[in-house]
Protein backbone atom coordinates (compact mmCIF):
# COMPACT_ATOMS: atom_id res chain seq x y z
CA MET A 1 45.68 113.22 90.33
CA GLY A 2 47.02 110.00 88.79
CA GLU A 3 44.09 108.94 86.46
CA GLU A 4 43.03 112.38 85.99
CA LEU A 5 46.47 113.51 84.80
CA GLU A 6 46.73 110.41 82.49
CA ASP A 7 43.52 111.48 80.85
CA LEU A 8 44.65 115.11 80.30
CA VAL A 9 48.04 113.99 79.00
CA LYS A 10 46.48 111.65 76.47
CA LYS A 11 44.81 114.71 74.76
CA ILE A 12 47.99 116.96 74.91
CA LYS A 13 50.53 116.85 72.03
CA ALA A 14 54.04 115.66 72.96
CA LYS A 15 55.57 118.65 71.17
CA ASP A 16 53.67 121.01 73.47
CA LEU A 17 54.51 119.20 76.57
CA LYS A 18 58.35 119.06 75.50
CA GLU A 19 58.34 122.79 74.81
CA GLU A 20 57.08 123.62 78.25
CA ALA A 21 59.41 121.16 79.91
CA LYS A 22 62.42 122.62 78.11
CA LYS A 23 61.50 126.11 79.29
CA ARG A 24 61.86 124.71 82.85
CA GLY A 25 64.98 122.68 82.31
CA ILE A 26 63.21 119.35 82.52
CA LYS A 27 64.79 116.43 80.60
CA THR A 28 62.71 115.42 77.55
CA SER A 29 64.66 112.88 75.65
CA CYS A 30 63.73 109.16 76.18
CA VAL A 31 60.86 110.13 78.63
CA LYS A 32 57.16 109.38 78.26
CA LYS A 33 54.62 112.14 78.14
CA ILE A 34 53.24 111.23 81.50
CA ASP A 35 56.60 111.48 83.14
CA ILE A 36 57.05 114.87 81.64
CA ALA A 37 53.61 115.97 82.86
CA LYS A 38 54.32 114.82 86.34
CA GLN A 39 57.32 117.23 86.63
CA LEU A 40 55.38 120.19 85.19
CA PRO A 41 53.12 122.34 87.47
CA LYS A 42 49.50 121.30 87.38
CA GLU A 43 48.50 124.82 85.96
CA VAL A 44 50.79 124.25 83.02
CA VAL A 45 49.27 120.86 82.18
CA ASP A 46 45.78 122.36 82.58
CA GLU A 47 46.69 125.20 80.17
CA LEU A 48 48.17 122.89 77.53
CA TYR A 49 45.02 120.68 77.79
CA SER A 50 42.76 123.72 77.40
CA ARG A 51 44.61 124.83 74.24
CA GLN A 52 43.94 121.30 72.62
CA LYS A 53 40.15 121.78 72.69
């Protein structure tokens, strides 16, 4: 899931990742997009990716 996740995250806007993280109480300040994505459920990351297309 490592490289696959990185490829997905590159195409997702940081704003969208942060909004989903905040809904789940995940820290978003001073954190890279990939670190936020690792804490989110896989389904959420997949959904955000599909919205970007």
